[in-house]
Amino acid sequence: MRARIVVGAALLLASSAASAGSSVEAADAAKVAHCTFLKDIEGRSVFGERLKEPAVKKAKEDALGQAEKAGATHIVWGKVSSTDITTVAAKAYRCGG
């Protein structure tokens, strides 16, 4: 029973990830040095430590969605934290014209 739940959750994540495209580009601090800082972001996933890889992926998707809503073109990833809820810190920037 538990295996079916895990497999179902993984399939749900895979299908939502496949349909989620992002126009926000991952960058490092040097690449965004001359860009406009928009906001600090914290992406979250309820999957936590037990499903670490899918949890980080889902948290990053959440952060990318927040960055897009803020009008960001680039995102700089920060620390990943995982207990019962996985979070990923990031900074959103707007680069270019």
PDB file of N, CA and C in Angstrom:
ATOM      1  N   MET A   1       0.816  -1.197   0.000  1.00  0.00           N
ATOM      2  CA  MET A   1       0.000   0.000   0.000  1.00  0.00           C
ATOM      3  C   MET A   1       0.860   1.262   0.000  1.00  0.00           C
ATOM      4  N   ARG A   2       1.856   1.280   0.884  1.00  0.00           N
ATOM      5  CA  ARG A   2       2.728   2.454   0.972  1.00  0.00           C
ATOM      6  C   ARG A   2       3.491   2.674  -0.339  1.00  0.00           C
ATOM      7  N   ALA A   3       3.920   1.581  -0.960  1.00  0.00           N
ATOM      8  CA  ALA A   3       4.645   1.676  -2.226  1.00  0.00           C
ATOM      9  C   ALA A   3       3.763   2.303  -3.306  1.00  0.00           C
ATOM     10  N   ARG A   4       2.489   1.949  -3.309  1.00  0.00           N
ATOM     11  CA  ARG A   4       1.568   2.537  -4.293  1.00  0.00           C
ATOM     12  C   ARG A   4       1.425   4.040  -4.094  1.00  0.00           C
ATOM     13  N   ILE A   5       1.405   4.471  -2.853  1.00  0.00           N
ATOM     14  CA  ILE A   5       1.294   5.906  -2.570  1.00  0.00           C
ATOM     15  C   ILE A   5       2.535   6.630  -3.063  1.00  0.00           C
ATOM     16  N   VAL A   6       3.703   6.059  -2.789  1.00  0.00           N
ATOM     17  CA  VAL A   6       4.961   6.669  -3.215  1.00  0.00           C
ATOM     18  C   VAL A   6       5.031   6.732  -4.737  1.00  0.00           C
ATOM     19  N   VAL A   7       4.676   5.641  -5.406  1.00  0.00           N
ATOM     20  CA  VAL A   7       4.701   5.612  -6.869  1.00  0.00           C
ATOM     21  C   VAL A   7       3.701   6.614  -7.430  1.00  0.00           C
ATOM     22  N   GLY A   8       2.527   6.695  -6.838  1.00  0.00           N
ATOM     23  CA  GLY A   8       1.520   7.656  -7.294  1.00  0.00           C
ATOM     24  C   GLY A   8       2.002   9.091  -7.147  1.00  0.00           C
ATOM     25  N   ALA A   9       2.637   9.373  -6.021  1.00  0.00           N
ATOM     26  CA  ALA A   9       3.163  10.729  -5.804  1.00  0.00           C
ATOM     27  C   ALA A   9       4.261  11.041  -6.811  1.00  0.00           C
ATOM     28  N   ALA A  10       5.123  10.082  -7.088  1.00  0.00           N
ATOM     29  CA  ALA A  10       6.205  10.296  -8.058  1.00  0.00           C
ATOM     30  C   ALA A  10       5.641  10.539  -9.456  1.00  0.00           C
ATOM     31  N   LEU A  11       4.621   9.793  -9.838  1.00  0.00           N
ATOM     32  CA  LEU A  11       4.002   9.991 -11.144  1.00  0.00           C
ATOM     33  C   LEU A  11       3.324  11.358 -11.239  1.00  0.00           C
ATOM     34  N   LEU A  12       2.686  11.768 -10.170  1.00  0.00           N
ATOM     35  CA  LEU A  12       2.052  13.085 -10.140  1.00  0.00           C
ATOM     36  C   LEU A  12       3.099  14.184 -10.306  1.00  0.00           C
ATOM     37  N   LEU A  13       4.209  14.036  -9.620  1.00  0.00           N
ATOM     38  CA  LEU A  13       5.290  15.014  -9.755  1.00  0.00           C
ATOM     39  C   LEU A  13       5.844  15.042 -11.168  1.00  0.00           C
ATOM     40  N   ALA A  14       6.051  13.882 -11.740  1.00  0.00           N
ATOM     41  CA  ALA A  14       6.617  13.821 -13.085  1.00  0.00           C
ATOM     42  C   ALA A  14       5.691  14.470 -14.103  1.00  0.00           C
ATOM     43  N   SER A  15       4.399  14.240 -13.975  1.00  0.00           N
ATOM     44  CA  SER A  15       3.471  14.827 -14.937  1.00  0.00           C
ATOM     45  C   SER A  15       3.377  16.335 -14.766  1.00  0.00           C
ATOM     46  N   SER A  16       3.413  16.827 -13.543  1.00  0.00           N
ATOM     47  CA  SER A  16       3.352  18.276 -13.360  1.00  0.00           C
ATOM     48  C   SER A  16       4.647  18.934 -13.776  1.00  0.00           C
ATOM     49  N   ALA A  17       5.774  18.256 -13.576  1.00  0.00           N
ATOM     50  CA  ALA A  17       7.071  18.813 -13.983  1.00  0.00           C
ATOM     51  C   ALA A  17       7.177  18.881 -15.494  1.00  0.00           C
ATOM     52  N   ALA A  18       6.634  17.887 -16.182  1.00  0.00           N
ATOM     53  CA  ALA A  18       6.718  17.868 -17.636  1.00  0.00           C
ATOM     54  C   ALA A  18       5.928  19.016 -18.254  1.00  0.00           C
ATOM     55  N   SER A  19       4.832  19.401 -17.604  1.00  0.00           N
ATOM     56  CA  SER A  19       4.017  20.469 -18.166  1.00  0.00           C
ATOM     57  C   SER A  19       4.473  21.858 -17.721  1.00  0.00           C
ATOM     58  N   ALA A  20       5.360  21.901 -16.738  1.00  0.00           N
ATOM     59  CA  ALA A  20       5.806  23.202 -16.212  1.00  0.00           C
ATOM     60  C   ALA A  20       7.092  23.629 -16.896  1.00  0.00           C
ATOM     61  N   GLY A  21       7.002  24.603 -17.793  1.00  0.00           N
ATOM     62  CA  GLY A  21       8.175  25.179 -18.425  1.00  0.00           C
ATOM     63  C   GLY A  21       8.429  26.531 -17.796  1.00  0.00           C
ATOM     64  N   SER A  22       9.687  26.884 -17.668  1.00  0.00           N
ATOM     65  CA  SER A  22       9.993  28.157 -17.030  1.00  0.00           C
ATOM     66  C   SER A  22      10.857  29.008 -17.940  1.00  0.00           C
ATOM     67  N   SER A  23      10.573  30.300 -17.948  1.00  0.00           N
ATOM     68  CA  SER A  23      11.386  31.230 -18.723  1.00  0.00           C
ATOM     69  C   SER A  23      12.494  31.833 -17.865  1.00  0.00           C
ATOM     70  N   VAL A  24      12.554  31.449 -16.592  1.00  0.00           N
ATOM     71  CA  VAL A  24      13.566  31.962 -15.672  1.00  0.00           C
ATOM     72  C   VAL A  24      14.811  31.081 -15.773  1.00  0.00           C
ATOM     73  N   GLU A  25      15.940  31.719 -15.976  1.00  0.00           N
ATOM     74  CA  GLU A  25      17.210  31.006 -16.168  1.00  0.00           C
ATOM     75  C   GLU A  25      17.998  30.940 -14.862  1.00  0.00           C
ATOM     76  N   ALA A  26      18.523  29.762 -14.542  1.00  0.00           N
ATOM     77  CA  ALA A  26      19.396  29.620 -13.373  1.00  0.00           C
ATOM     78  C   ALA A  26      20.723  30.307 -13.672  1.00  0.00           C
ATOM     79  N   ALA A  27      21.261  31.004 -12.680  1.00  0.00           N
ATOM     80  CA  ALA A  27      22.499  31.757 -12.871  1.00  0.00           C
ATOM     81  C   ALA A  27      23.320  31.720 -11.587  1.00  0.00           C
ATOM     82  N   ASP A  28      24.543  32.207 -11.692  1.00  0.00           N
ATOM     83  CA  ASP A  28      25.369  32.376 -10.494  1.00  0.00           C
ATOM     84  C   ASP A  28      25.474  33.870 -10.188  1.00  0.00           C
ATOM     85  N   ALA A  29      26.088  34.189  -9.055  1.00  0.00           N
ATOM     86  CA  ALA A  29      26.168  35.583  -8.612  1.00  0.00           C
ATOM     87  C   ALA A  29      26.875  36.481  -9.626  1.00  0.00           C
ATOM     88  N   ALA A  30      27.892  35.962 -10.295  1.00  0.00           N
ATOM     89  CA  ALA A  30      28.625  36.770 -11.273  1.00  0.00           C
ATOM     90  C   ALA A  30      27.742  37.167 -12.452  1.00  0.00           C
ATOM     91  N   LYS A  31      26.892  36.266 -12.889  1.00  0.00           N
ATOM     92  CA  LYS A  31      26.041  36.531 -14.053  1.00  0.00           C
ATOM     93  C   LYS A  31      24.981  37.596 -13.761  1.00  0.00           C
ATOM     94  N   VAL A  32      24.561  37.710 -12.506  1.00  0.00           N
ATOM     95  CA  VAL A  32      23.513  38.678 -12.171  1.00  0.00           C
ATOM     96  C   VAL A  32      24.079  39.924 -11.482  1.00  0.00           C
ATOM     97  N   ALA A  33      25.386  40.101 -11.528  1.00  0.00           N
ATOM     98  CA  ALA A  33      26.040  41.224 -10.834  1.00  0.00           C
ATOM     99  C   ALA A  33      25.509  42.584 -11.279  1.00  0.00           C
ATOM    100  N   HIS A  34      25.118  42.714 -12.541  1.00  0.00           N
ATOM    101  CA  HIS A  34      24.630  43.999 -13.053  1.00  0.00           C
ATOM    102  C   HIS A  34      23.128  43.992 -13.307  1.00  0.00           C
ATOM    103  N   CYS A  35      22.433  43.043 -12.694  1.00  0.00           N
ATOM    104  CA  CYS A  35      20.985  42.936 -12.850  1.00  0.00           C
ATOM    105  C   CYS A  35      20.276  43.570 -11.663  1.00  0.00           C
ATOM    106  N   THR A  36      18.979  43.718 -11.788  1.00  0.00           N
ATOM    107  CA  THR A  36      18.171  44.281 -10.709  1.00  0.00           C
ATOM    108  C   THR A  36      17.669  43.161  -9.806  1.00  0.00           C
ATOM    109  N   PHE A  37      18.004  43.254  -8.513  1.00  0.00           N
ATOM    110  CA  PHE A  37      17.498  42.286  -7.538  1.00  0.00           C
ATOM    111  C   PHE A  37      16.013  42.550  -7.321  1.00  0.00           C
ATOM    112  N   LEU A  38      15.198  41.507  -7.392  1.00  0.00           N
ATOM    113  CA  LEU A  38      13.761  41.662  -7.203  1.00  0.00           C
ATOM    114  C   LEU A  38      13.308  41.234  -5.814  1.00  0.00           C
ATOM    115  N   LYS A  39      13.668  40.006  -5.419  1.00  0.00           N
ATOM    116  CA  LYS A  39      13.207  39.529  -4.116  1.00  0.00           C
ATOM    117  C   LYS A  39      13.872  38.219  -3.727  1.00  0.00           C
ATOM    118  N   ASP A  40      13.854  37.947  -2.419  1.00  0.00           N
ATOM    119  CA  ASP A  40      14.239  36.644  -1.897  1.00  0.00           C
ATOM    120  C   ASP A  40      13.038  35.721  -2.032  1.00  0.00           C
ATOM    121  N   ILE A  41      13.311  34.484  -2.378  1.00  0.00           N
ATOM    122  CA  ILE A  41      12.242  33.511  -2.610  1.00  0.00           C
ATOM    123  C   ILE A  41      12.532  32.262  -1.786  1.00  0.00           C
ATOM    124  N   GLU A  42      11.464  31.608  -1.341  1.00  0.00           N
ATOM    125  CA  GLU A  42      11.608  30.313  -0.680  1.00  0.00           C
ATOM    126  C   GLU A  42      10.580  29.363  -1.276  1.00  0.00           C
ATOM    127  N   GLY A  43      11.066  28.414  -2.074  1.00  0.00           N
ATOM    128  CA  GLY A  43      10.193  27.397  -2.642  1.00  0.00           C
ATOM    129  C   GLY A  43       9.976  26.300  -1.619  1.00  0.00           C
ATOM    130  N   ARG A  44       8.787  25.699  -1.629  1.00  0.00           N
ATOM    131  CA  ARG A  44       8.453  24.681  -0.630  1.00  0.00           C
ATOM    132  C   ARG A  44       7.839  23.454  -1.274  1.00  0.00           C
ATOM    133  N   SER A  45       8.067  22.314  -0.620  1.00  0.00           N
ATOM    134  CA  SER A  45       7.436  21.064  -1.009  1.00  0.00           C
ATOM    135  C   SER A  45       7.098  20.290   0.254  1.00  0.00           C
ATOM    136  N   VAL A  46       5.934  19.684   0.294  1.00  0.00           N
ATOM    137  CA  VAL A  46       5.519  18.925   1.475  1.00  0.00           C
ATOM    138  C   VAL A  46       6.115  17.520   1.507  1.00  0.00           C
ATOM    139  N   PHE A  47       6.866  17.123   0.500  1.00  0.00           N
ATOM    140  CA  PHE A  47       7.385  15.765   0.449  1.00  0.00           C
ATOM    141  C   PHE A  47       8.507  15.505   1.437  1.00  0.00           C
ATOM    142  N   GLY A  48       9.262  16.483   1.832  1.00  0.00           N
ATOM    143  CA  GLY A  48      10.246  16.326   2.896  1.00  0.00           C
ATOM    144  C   GLY A  48      11.345  15.326   2.619  1.00  0.00           C
ATOM    145  N   GLU A  49      11.978  14.880   3.689  1.00  0.00           N
ATOM    146  CA  GLU A  49      13.190  14.069   3.636  1.00  0.00           C
ATOM    147  C   GLU A  49      12.976  12.687   3.007  1.00  0.00           C
ATOM    148  N   ARG A  50      11.800  12.096   3.197  1.00  0.00           N
ATOM    149  CA  ARG A  50      11.580  10.728   2.710  1.00  0.00           C
ATOM    150  C   ARG A  50      11.643  10.625   1.187  1.00  0.00           C
ATOM    151  N   LEU A  51      11.258  11.655   0.486  1.00  0.00           N
ATOM    152  CA  LEU A  51      11.301  11.683  -0.974  1.00  0.00           C
ATOM    153  C   LEU A  51      12.173  12.846  -1.413  1.00  0.00           C
ATOM    154  N   LYS A  52      13.429  12.817  -1.007  1.00  0.00           N
ATOM    155  CA  LYS A  52      14.337  13.970  -1.148  1.00  0.00           C
ATOM    156  C   LYS A  52      14.417  14.505  -2.576  1.00  0.00           C
ATOM    157  N   GLU A  53      14.704  13.653  -3.547  1.00  0.00           N
ATOM    158  CA  GLU A  53      14.887  14.134  -4.931  1.00  0.00           C
ATOM    159  C   GLU A  53      13.617  14.778  -5.493  1.00  0.00           C
ATOM    160  N   PRO A  54      12.455  14.114  -5.406  1.00  0.00           N
ATOM    161  CA  PRO A  54      11.237  14.762  -5.899  1.00  0.00           C
ATOM    162  C   PRO A  54      10.879  16.007  -5.085  1.00  0.00           C
ATOM    163  N   ALA A  55      11.204  16.001  -3.800  1.00  0.00           N
ATOM    164  CA  ALA A  55      10.888  17.153  -2.954  1.00  0.00           C
ATOM    165  C   ALA A  55      11.678  18.386  -3.380  1.00  0.00           C
ATOM    166  N   VAL A  56      12.968  18.210  -3.649  1.00  0.00           N
ATOM    167  CA  VAL A  56      13.797  19.338  -4.083  1.00  0.00           C
ATOM    168  C   VAL A  56      13.307  19.844  -5.435  1.00  0.00           C
ATOM    169  N   LYS A  57      12.985  18.923  -6.325  1.00  0.00           N
ATOM    170  CA  LYS A  57      12.485  19.318  -7.650  1.00  0.00           C
ATOM    171  C   LYS A  57      11.199  20.136  -7.523  1.00  0.00           C
ATOM    172  N   LYS A  58      10.286  19.681  -6.687  1.00  0.00           N
ATOM    173  CA  LYS A  58       9.014  20.382  -6.504  1.00  0.00           C
ATOM    174  C   LYS A  58       9.228  21.746  -5.838  1.00  0.00           C
ATOM    175  N   ALA A  59      10.131  21.822  -4.870  1.00  0.00           N
ATOM    176  CA  ALA A  59      10.430  23.098  -4.208  1.00  0.00           C
ATOM    177  C   ALA A  59      11.025  24.095  -5.209  1.00  0.00           C
ATOM    178  N   LYS A  60      11.890  23.602  -6.099  1.00  0.00           N
ATOM    179  CA  LYS A  60      12.474  24.483  -7.117  1.00  0.00           C
ATOM    180  C   LYS A  60      11.417  24.951  -8.109  1.00  0.00           C
ATOM    181  N   GLU A  61      10.474  24.079  -8.463  1.00  0.00           N
ATOM    182  CA  GLU A  61       9.375  24.483  -9.343  1.00  0.00           C
ATOM    183  C   GLU A  61       8.547  25.584  -8.684  1.00  0.00           C
ATOM    184  N   ASP A  62       8.305  25.439  -7.389  1.00  0.00           N
ATOM    185  CA  ASP A  62       7.563  26.462  -6.647  1.00  0.00           C
ATOM    186  C   ASP A  62       8.319  27.789  -6.673  1.00  0.00           C
ATOM    187  N   ALA A  63       9.620  27.735  -6.440  1.00  0.00           N
ATOM    188  CA  ALA A  63      10.445  28.953  -6.450  1.00  0.00           C
ATOM    189  C   ALA A  63      10.462  29.596  -7.835  1.00  0.00           C
ATOM    190  N   LEU A  64      10.577  28.785  -8.877  1.00  0.00           N
ATOM    191  CA  LEU A  64      10.560  29.321 -10.241  1.00  0.00           C
ATOM    192  C   LEU A  64       9.238  30.020 -10.544  1.00  0.00           C
ATOM    193  N   GLY A  65       8.142  29.440 -10.090  1.00  0.00           N
ATOM    194  CA  GLY A  65       6.840  30.064 -10.285  1.00  0.00           C
ATOM    195  C   GLY A  65       6.752  31.423  -9.596  1.00  0.00           C
ATOM    196  N   GLN A  66       7.298  31.500  -8.380  1.00  0.00           N
ATOM    197  CA  GLN A  66       7.316  32.772  -7.661  1.00  0.00           C
ATOM    198  C   GLN A  66       8.189  33.795  -8.393  1.00  0.00           C
ATOM    199  N   ALA A  67       9.333  33.337  -8.907  1.00  0.00           N
ATOM    200  CA  ALA A  67      10.241  34.228  -9.634  1.00  0.00           C
ATOM    201  C   ALA A  67       9.574  34.762 -10.900  1.00  0.00           C
ATOM    202  N   GLU A  68       8.872  33.900 -11.627  1.00  0.00           N
ATOM    203  CA  GLU A  68       8.157  34.339 -12.830  1.00  0.00           C
ATOM    204  C   GLU A  68       7.107  35.384 -12.491  1.00  0.00           C
ATOM    205  N   LYS A  69       6.344  35.156 -11.423  1.00  0.00           N
ATOM    206  CA  LYS A  69       5.316  36.117 -11.008  1.00  0.00           C
ATOM    207  C   LYS A  69       5.927  37.461 -10.643  1.00  0.00           C
ATOM    208  N   ALA A  70       7.161  37.442 -10.141  1.00  0.00           N
ATOM    209  CA  ALA A  70       7.842  38.679  -9.761  1.00  0.00           C
ATOM    210  C   ALA A  70       8.467  39.382 -10.968  1.00  0.00           C
ATOM    211  N   GLY A  71       8.432  38.728 -12.140  1.00  0.00           N
ATOM    212  CA  GLY A  71       9.007  39.316 -13.348  1.00  0.00           C
ATOM    213  C   GLY A  71      10.490  39.041 -13.519  1.00  0.00           C
ATOM    214  N   ALA A  72      10.983  38.006 -12.863  1.00  0.00           N
ATOM    215  CA  ALA A  72      12.406  37.682 -12.930  1.00  0.00           C
ATOM    216  C   ALA A  72      12.775  37.034 -14.262  1.00  0.00           C
ATOM    217  N   THR A  73      14.018  37.256 -14.655  1.00  0.00           N
ATOM    218  CA  THR A  73      14.589  36.567 -15.815  1.00  0.00           C
ATOM    219  C   THR A  73      15.621  35.546 -15.374  1.00  0.00           C
ATOM    220  N   HIS A  74      16.171  35.732 -14.169  1.00  0.00           N
ATOM    221  CA  HIS A  74      17.213  34.844 -13.645  1.00  0.00           C
ATOM    222  C   HIS A  74      16.966  34.539 -12.173  1.00  0.00           C
ATOM    223  N   ILE A  75      17.465  33.373 -11.754  1.00  0.00           N
ATOM    224  CA  ILE A  75      17.345  32.962 -10.356  1.00  0.00           C
ATOM    225  C   ILE A  75      18.691  32.397  -9.906  1.00  0.00           C
ATOM    226  N   VAL A  76      19.083  32.748  -8.701  1.00  0.00           N
ATOM    227  CA  VAL A  76      20.309  32.210  -8.104  1.00  0.00           C
ATOM    228  C   VAL A  76      19.872  31.321  -6.942  1.00  0.00           C
ATOM    229  N   TRP A  77      20.186  30.019  -7.061  1.00  0.00           N
ATOM    230  CA  TRP A  77      19.773  29.058  -6.043  1.00  0.00           C
ATOM    231  C   TRP A  77      20.626  29.188  -4.793  1.00  0.00           C
ATOM    232  N   GLY A  78      19.983  28.992  -3.657  1.00  0.00           N
ATOM    233  CA  GLY A  78      20.650  29.022  -2.368  1.00  0.00           C
ATOM    234  C   GLY A  78      20.552  27.671  -1.692  1.00  0.00           C
ATOM    235  N   LYS A  79      20.416  27.708  -0.389  1.00  0.00           N
ATOM    236  CA  LYS A  79      20.438  26.518   0.456  1.00  0.00           C
ATOM    237  C   LYS A  79      19.142  25.711   0.355  1.00  0.00           C
ATOM    238  N   VAL A  80      19.301  24.380   0.348  1.00  0.00           N
ATOM    239  CA  VAL A  80      18.167  23.458   0.405  1.00  0.00           C
ATOM    240  C   VAL A  80      18.086  22.938   1.833  1.00  0.00           C
ATOM    241  N   SER A  81      16.895  22.955   2.390  1.00  0.00           N
ATOM    242  CA  SER A  81      16.667  22.458   3.740  1.00  0.00           C
ATOM    243  C   SER A  81      15.547  21.435   3.675  1.00  0.00           C
ATOM    244  N   SER A  82      15.740  20.295   4.347  1.00  0.00           N
ATOM    245  CA  SER A  82      14.739  19.248   4.244  1.00  0.00           C
ATOM    246  C   SER A  82      14.518  18.563   5.583  1.00  0.00           C
ATOM    247  N   THR A  83      13.295  18.625   6.072  1.00  0.00           N
ATOM    248  CA  THR A  83      12.854  17.863   7.241  1.00  0.00           C
ATOM    249  C   THR A  83      11.510  17.266   6.852  1.00  0.00           C
ATOM    250  N   ASP A  84      10.441  17.693   7.484  1.00  0.00           N
ATOM    251  CA  ASP A  84       9.101  17.260   7.057  1.00  0.00           C
ATOM    252  C   ASP A  84       8.673  18.006   5.800  1.00  0.00           C
ATOM    253  N   ILE A  85       9.181  19.220   5.652  1.00  0.00           N
ATOM    254  CA  ILE A  85       8.913  20.044   4.473  1.00  0.00           C
ATOM    255  C   ILE A  85      10.259  20.442   3.880  1.00  0.00           C
ATOM    256  N   THR A  86      10.398  20.312   2.565  1.00  0.00           N
ATOM    257  CA  THR A  86      11.633  20.711   1.888  1.00  0.00           C
ATOM    258  C   THR A  86      11.488  22.153   1.428  1.00  0.00           C
ATOM    259  N   THR A  87      12.509  22.950   1.689  1.00  0.00           N
ATOM    260  CA  THR A  87      12.527  24.329   1.215  1.00  0.00           C
ATOM    261  C   THR A  87      13.822  24.581   0.459  1.00  0.00           C
ATOM    262  N   VAL A  88      13.752  25.468  -0.507  1.00  0.00           N
ATOM    263  CA  VAL A  88      14.941  25.894  -1.243  1.00  0.00           C
ATOM    264  C   VAL A  88      14.909  27.423  -1.306  1.00  0.00           C
ATOM    265  N   ALA A  89      16.022  28.014  -0.879  1.00  0.00           N
ATOM    266  CA  ALA A  89      16.141  29.467  -0.915  1.00  0.00           C
ATOM    267  C   ALA A  89      16.670  29.892  -2.272  1.00  0.00           C
ATOM    268  N   ALA A  90      16.270  31.077  -2.720  1.00  0.00           N
ATOM    269  CA  ALA A  90      16.736  31.603  -4.001  1.00  0.00           C
ATOM    270  C   ALA A  90      16.599  33.114  -4.004  1.00  0.00           C
ATOM    271  N   LYS A  91      17.263  33.732  -4.952  1.00  0.00           N
ATOM    272  CA  LYS A  91      17.168  35.177  -5.169  1.00  0.00           C
ATOM    273  C   LYS A  91      16.743  35.395  -6.622  1.00  0.00           C
ATOM    274  N   ALA A  92      15.748  36.242  -6.813  1.00  0.00           N
ATOM    275  CA  ALA A  92      15.219  36.507  -8.142  1.00  0.00           C
ATOM    276  C   ALA A  92      15.764  37.844  -8.659  1.00  0.00           C
ATOM    277  N   TYR A  93      16.157  37.850  -9.940  1.00  0.00           N
ATOM    278  CA  TYR A  93      16.732  39.043 -10.582  1.00  0.00           C
ATOM    279  C   TYR A  93      16.080  39.279 -11.939  1.00  0.00           C
ATOM    280  N   ARG A  94      16.073  40.541 -12.368  1.00  0.00           N
ATOM    281  CA  ARG A  94      15.667  40.899 -13.728  1.00  0.00           C
ATOM    282  C   ARG A  94      16.902  41.452 -14.437  1.00  0.00           C
ATOM    283  N   CYS A  95      17.275  40.800 -15.515  1.00  0.00           N
ATOM    284  CA  CYS A  95      18.461  41.208 -16.279  1.00  0.00           C
ATOM    285  C   CYS A  95      18.028  41.687 -17.669  1.00  0.00           C
ATOM    286  N   GLY A  96      18.807  42.571 -18.237  1.00  0.00           N
ATOM    287  CA  GLY A  96      18.523  43.057 -19.587  1.00  0.00           C
ATOM    288  C   GLY A  96      17.503  44.173 -19.603  1.00  0.00           C
ATOM    289  N   GLY A  97      17.125  44.551 -20.813  1.00  0.00           N
ATOM    290  CA  GLY A  97      16.243  45.688 -21.031  1.00  0.00           C
ATOM    291  C   GLY A  97      14.905  45.495 -20.551  1.00  0.00           C
TER     292      GLY A  97
END
